[in-house]
Protein backbone atom coordinates (compact mmCIF):
# COMPACT_ATOMS: atom_id res chain seq x y z
CA MET A 1 -23.66 23.34 26.52
CA PRO A 2 -26.28 20.63 27.21
CA ILE A 3 -25.88 17.40 25.28
CA VAL A 4 -28.97 16.03 23.50
CA LEU A 5 -29.00 12.50 22.07
CA SER A 6 -30.97 11.93 18.85
CA ILE A 7 -31.93 8.34 18.03
CA ALA A 8 -33.50 8.51 14.59
CA GLY A 9 -33.32 7.76 10.88
CA TYR A 10 -31.24 9.49 8.22
CA ASP A 11 -33.03 11.74 5.75
CA PRO A 12 -30.61 12.72 2.95
CA SER A 13 -32.70 15.83 2.18
CA SER A 14 -31.96 17.00 5.75
CA GLY A 15 -35.50 18.18 6.42
CA ALA A 16 -36.20 15.45 8.99
CA GLY A 17 -34.39 12.84 11.06
CA ILE A 18 -30.85 13.00 12.39
CA THR A 19 -29.56 15.93 10.32
CA ALA A 20 -32.59 18.05 11.14
CA ASP A 21 -32.17 17.20 14.81
CA VAL A 22 -28.57 18.40 14.74
CA LYS A 23 -29.72 21.75 13.28
CA THR A 24 -32.53 22.06 15.82
CA ALA A 25 -30.17 21.36 18.71
CA ALA A 26 -27.68 23.92 17.41
CA ALA A 27 -30.44 26.52 17.16
CA HIS A 28 -31.16 25.91 20.86
CA GLU A 29 -27.45 26.13 21.80
CA CYS A 30 -27.35 22.43 22.62
CA TYR A 31 -24.85 19.86 21.36
CA ALA A 32 -26.35 16.92 19.46
CA ILE A 33 -24.92 13.44 19.57
CA THR A 34 -26.60 10.95 17.26
CA CYS A 35 -27.39 7.31 16.69
CA ILE A 36 -28.73 6.46 13.21
CA THR A 37 -31.35 3.69 13.23
CA ALA A 38 -32.06 3.48 9.49
CA VAL A 39 -31.04 5.05 6.21
CA THR A 40 -33.60 6.15 3.66
CA VAL A 41 -33.81 7.05 0.01
CA GLN A 42 -35.85 10.20 0.46
CA THR A 43 -36.49 13.64 -1.02
CA THR A 44 -38.87 16.46 -0.21
CA GLU A 45 -41.42 14.62 -2.37
CA LYS A 46 -41.50 11.11 -0.86
CA VAL A 47 -39.72 8.22 0.85
CA PHE A 48 -38.56 5.73 -1.78
CA ALA A 49 -36.84 3.11 0.41
CA VAL A 50 -35.94 2.36 4.03
CA GLU A 51 -33.01 0.23 5.21
CA PRO A 52 -32.79 -0.33 9.00
CA LEU A 53 -29.34 -0.68 10.50
CA ARG A 54 -28.29 -3.88 12.24
CA ALA A 55 -29.55 -3.81 15.80
CA GLU A 56 -26.05 -4.60 17.12
CA ILE A 57 -24.63 -1.44 15.55
CA VAL A 58 -27.38 0.66 17.13
CA ARG A 59 -26.85 -1.00 20.53
CA ASP A 60 -23.07 -0.49 20.53
CA THR A 61 -23.37 3.11 19.33
CA LEU A 62 -25.81 4.00 22.11
CA TYR A 63 -23.84 2.54 25.00
CA GLU A 64 -20.47 3.86 23.82
CA LEU A 65 -21.89 7.33 23.19
CA VAL A 66 -23.50 7.77 26.60
CA ARG A 67 -20.45 6.34 28.36
CA ASP A 68 -18.38 9.12 26.81
CA MET A 69 -20.93 11.95 26.63
CA PRO A 70 -23.91 11.53 29.00
CA PRO A 71 -26.89 13.41 27.54
CA ALA A 72 -29.19 15.77 29.39
CA ALA A 73 -32.10 14.77 27.12
CA VAL A 74 -33.00 12.27 24.40
CA ARG A 75 -35.16 12.47 21.26
CA ILE A 76 -36.32 9.17 19.75
CA GLY A 77 -37.69 9.26 16.23
CA MET A 78 -37.84 6.69 13.44
CA LEU A 79 -36.68 3.26 14.60
CA GLY A 80 -37.10 1.32 11.37
CA SER A 81 -37.52 -2.21 12.73
CA GLY A 82 -38.70 -4.22 15.71
CA GLU A 83 -35.14 -5.39 16.39
CA VAL A 84 -33.89 -1.81 16.68
CA ALA A 85 -36.90 -0.86 18.80
CA GLU A 86 -36.06 -3.70 21.21
CA VAL A 87 -32.46 -2.49 21.50
CA VAL A 88 -33.59 1.07 22.23
CA ALA A 89 -36.07 -0.17 24.85
CA ASP A 90 -33.32 -2.24 26.52
CA PHE A 91 -31.02 0.79 26.46
CA LEU A 92 -33.56 3.11 28.09
CA GLU A 93 -34.51 0.56 30.74
CA THR A 94 -30.84 0.02 31.58
CA THR A 95 -29.55 3.60 31.55
CA ARG A 96 -32.68 5.34 32.89
CA LEU A 97 -31.76 8.58 31.16
CA ARG A 98 -33.88 11.65 31.91
CA ASN A 99 -35.88 13.97 29.68
CA VAL A 100 -36.63 11.31 27.06
CA VAL A 101 -38.98 12.45 24.27
CA LEU A 102 -40.53 9.80 22.01
CA ASP A 103 -41.71 10.92 18.57
CA PRO A 104 -43.35 7.66 17.36
CA VAL A 105 -42.67 7.84 13.63
CA LEU A 106 -44.84 5.14 12.05
CA ARG A 107 -45.45 6.36 8.49
CA SER A 108 -44.15 9.14 6.29
CA THR A 109 -46.46 11.89 5.09
CA SER A 110 -46.30 10.27 1.64
CA GLY A 111 -47.58 7.01 3.16
CA ALA A 112 -44.43 4.87 3.41
CA ALA A 113 -44.24 2.51 6.40
CA LEU A 114 -41.26 3.47 8.58
CA ILE A 115 -41.48 0.62 11.11
CA ASP A 116 -42.81 -2.94 11.09
CA GLU A 117 -45.61 -4.41 13.20
CA ARG A 118 -43.20 -5.80 15.76
CA GLY A 119 -41.74 -2.33 16.19
CA GLU A 120 -45.19 -0.87 16.82
CA GLN A 121 -45.73 -3.50 19.51
CA VAL A 122 -42.42 -2.63 21.19
CA ILE A 123 -43.32 1.07 21.22
CA ARG A 124 -46.72 0.26 22.70
CA ALA A 125 -45.57 -2.30 25.30
CA ARG A 126 -42.17 -0.96 26.36
CA LEU A 127 -41.16 2.45 25.05
CA LEU A 128 -44.25 4.32 26.23
CA LYS A 129 -43.31 3.30 29.77
CA ALA A 130 -39.63 4.15 29.38
CA VAL A 131 -39.97 7.78 28.21
CA ASP A 132 -41.01 11.04 29.83
CA VAL A 133 -43.19 12.41 27.04
CA CYS A 134 -44.59 11.10 23.75
CA THR A 135 -45.48 13.37 20.80
CA PRO A 136 -47.67 11.45 18.31
CA ASN A 137 -49.93 13.04 15.76
CA GLU A 138 -53.56 11.98 15.96
CA ALA A 139 -53.17 9.08 13.50
CA GLU A 140 -50.14 7.73 15.37
CA ALA A 141 -51.96 8.11 18.69
CA ARG A 142 -54.84 5.98 17.37
CA VAL A 143 -52.45 3.21 16.32
CA LEU A 144 -50.62 3.19 19.65
CA ALA A 145 -53.78 3.51 21.75
CA GLU A 146 -55.47 0.78 19.66
CA CYS A 147 -58.76 2.64 19.68
CA GLU A 148 -60.79 5.36 18.02
CA ALA A 149 -61.39 8.28 20.35
CA SER A 150 -61.13 12.03 20.69
CA PRO A 151 -57.61 13.41 21.22
CA GLU A 152 -58.43 13.69 24.94
CA GLY A 153 -59.49 10.04 25.03
CA LEU A 154 -56.42 8.91 23.09
CA ALA A 155 -54.16 10.74 25.54
CA ARG A 156 -55.87 9.06 28.49
CA GLU A 157 -55.40 5.65 26.85
CA LEU A 158 -51.70 6.32 26.27
CA HIS A 159 -51.41 7.27 29.94
CA ARG A 160 -53.04 3.94 30.83
CA LYS A 161 -50.40 2.22 28.72
CA GLY A 162 -47.74 3.83 30.89
CA CYS A 163 -46.74 7.10 29.22
CA PRO A 164 -46.53 9.88 31.84
CA ALA A 165 -47.01 12.82 29.46
CA VAL A 166 -48.46 13.07 25.96
CA VAL A 167 -48.58 15.82 23.35
CA ILE A 168 -50.93 14.93 20.50
CA THR A 169 -49.79 17.23 17.73
CA GLY A 170 -52.30 18.91 15.47
CA GLY A 171 -50.40 20.37 12.56
CA GLU A 172 -53.07 19.01 10.21
CA ARG A 173 -55.89 20.64 12.20
CA GLU A 174 -57.29 23.97 11.06
CA ASP A 175 -56.54 25.46 14.49
CA SER A 176 -53.07 23.84 14.62
CA GLY A 177 -54.04 22.73 18.13
CA ASP A 178 -51.69 20.51 20.16
CA LEU A 179 -53.15 18.69 23.16
CA LEU A 180 -50.81 18.59 26.17
CA SER A 181 -51.80 15.94 28.72
CA PHE A 182 -49.95 15.07 31.93
CA GLY A 183 -50.97 14.23 35.46
CA ASP A 184 -54.64 15.15 35.71
CA GLN A 185 -54.25 18.14 33.36
CA GLN A 186 -55.21 18.47 29.72
CA GLU A 187 -54.67 21.71 27.82
CA TRP A 188 -55.11 22.70 24.19
CA LEU A 189 -52.32 24.87 22.80
CA ARG A 190 -53.87 26.55 19.76
CA ALA A 191 -52.52 28.85 17.08
CA GLU A 192 -53.52 30.07 13.65
CA LYS A 193 -52.63 27.57 10.93
CA ILE A 194 -49.65 28.58 8.76
CA ARG A 195 -50.18 27.90 5.04
CA SER A 196 -46.78 26.80 3.85
CA ARG A 197 -44.90 24.23 1.80
CA ALA A 198 -41.92 24.40 4.21
CA THR A 199 -43.22 21.76 6.63
CA HIS A 200 -40.99 18.73 6.06
CA GLY A 201 -39.81 17.37 9.39
CA THR A 202 -42.00 19.48 11.68
CA GLY A 203 -42.61 16.51 14.02
CA CYS A 204 -38.89 15.84 14.34
CA ALA A 205 -38.11 19.48 15.05
CA PHE A 206 -40.93 19.77 17.58
CA ALA A 207 -39.84 16.71 19.57
CA THR A 208 -36.17 17.69 19.45
CA ALA A 209 -36.99 21.24 20.52
CA ILE A 210 -38.90 19.85 23.52
CA ALA A 211 -35.87 17.70 24.41
CA CYS A 212 -33.56 20.72 24.09
CA ASN A 213 -35.77 22.89 26.28
CA LEU A 214 -35.94 20.14 28.91
CA ALA A 215 -32.15 19.84 28.75
CA LEU A 216 -31.93 23.60 29.31
CA GLY A 217 -33.89 23.19 32.57
CA ARG A 218 -37.40 24.19 31.55
CA GLN A 219 -40.46 22.44 32.94
CA LEU A 220 -42.59 20.33 30.60
CA ARG A 221 -45.32 22.84 29.77
CA GLU A 222 -42.84 25.63 29.10
CA ALA A 223 -40.70 23.27 27.02
CA VAL A 224 -43.70 22.32 24.87
CA VAL A 225 -44.83 25.94 24.41
CA GLU A 226 -41.31 27.05 23.47
CA ALA A 227 -40.99 24.13 21.02
CA LYS A 228 -44.28 25.03 19.35
CA PHE A 229 -43.16 28.66 19.02
CA TYR A 230 -39.82 27.53 17.53
CA VAL A 231 -41.46 25.31 14.90
CA ARG A 232 -43.92 28.03 13.89
CA ARG A 233 -41.10 30.53 13.41
CA ALA A 234 -39.07 27.96 11.47
CA ILE A 235 -42.00 27.25 9.13
CA THR A 236 -42.70 30.95 8.61
CA LEU A 237 -39.07 31.82 7.84
CA GLY A 238 -38.73 28.80 5.57
CA SER A 239 -41.78 29.76 3.54
CA ASP A 240 -40.27 32.49 1.36
CA GLU A 241 -38.19 30.17 -0.81
CA PRO A 242 -38.90 26.52 0.14
CA LEU A 243 -36.33 24.08 -1.19
CA GLY A 244 -37.17 21.08 -3.35
CA HIS A 245 -40.23 20.15 -5.37
CA GLY A 246 -42.29 18.73 -2.50
CA ARG A 247 -42.70 19.68 1.16
CA GLY A 248 -39.52 21.66 1.75
CA PRO A 249 -37.55 21.96 4.99
CA MET A 250 -38.16 24.61 7.59
CA ASN A 251 -35.54 27.20 8.42
CA HIS A 252 -34.12 25.50 11.50
CA PHE A 253 -31.77 28.34 12.35
CA VAL A 254 -34.21 30.77 13.94
């Protein structure tokens, strides 16, 4: 069973973050090991508070985990602070793990900031170069690229900043189009938009599903296509009776 490392925040509603990553990995018959970067006070309705962990705890957790259980892939989500982002960048540069997927979580859907300015700079200057693929939404891509451009232009700018492959997710687009960009190829992966309230944590599940598919030996394009299919099924099957009063979780076990 491939091991997948999740480096992310803790969402007590279990729609996003570490607990959602564990469910996504299990659905892909992978084994998740985890390193929590921050705890949150959070429901399906909004993020009320964020408390990053001490960087030393994150650092020690990462090195001890991979010494004992080397992962076949990594998913990086919410980092919470610049200090934690620095530790994760050091860790990736030292260990040179493979199949690293960066989901640059900058703000919650409800608008709460999930990382500070220093953390954004670390993502931009160091993490983009240390990962295999980055999966920002269009707003996150604009922040990291430091420019206004089309999705194609944003992807090219992120490549110039050192990221080898980019998926700009388009869950908010009417065509639900995701732009896959790597090498000299750019391809739109489009699908009919699903009208649903069960969409909490879709970015986390998508990035983790890519990591799982890479760990299972699939090539990048296939891994992205399979991850998109997984998330769409999870939203659809979570739509019948969404939990909570806000954006409920998907059905991860599909």
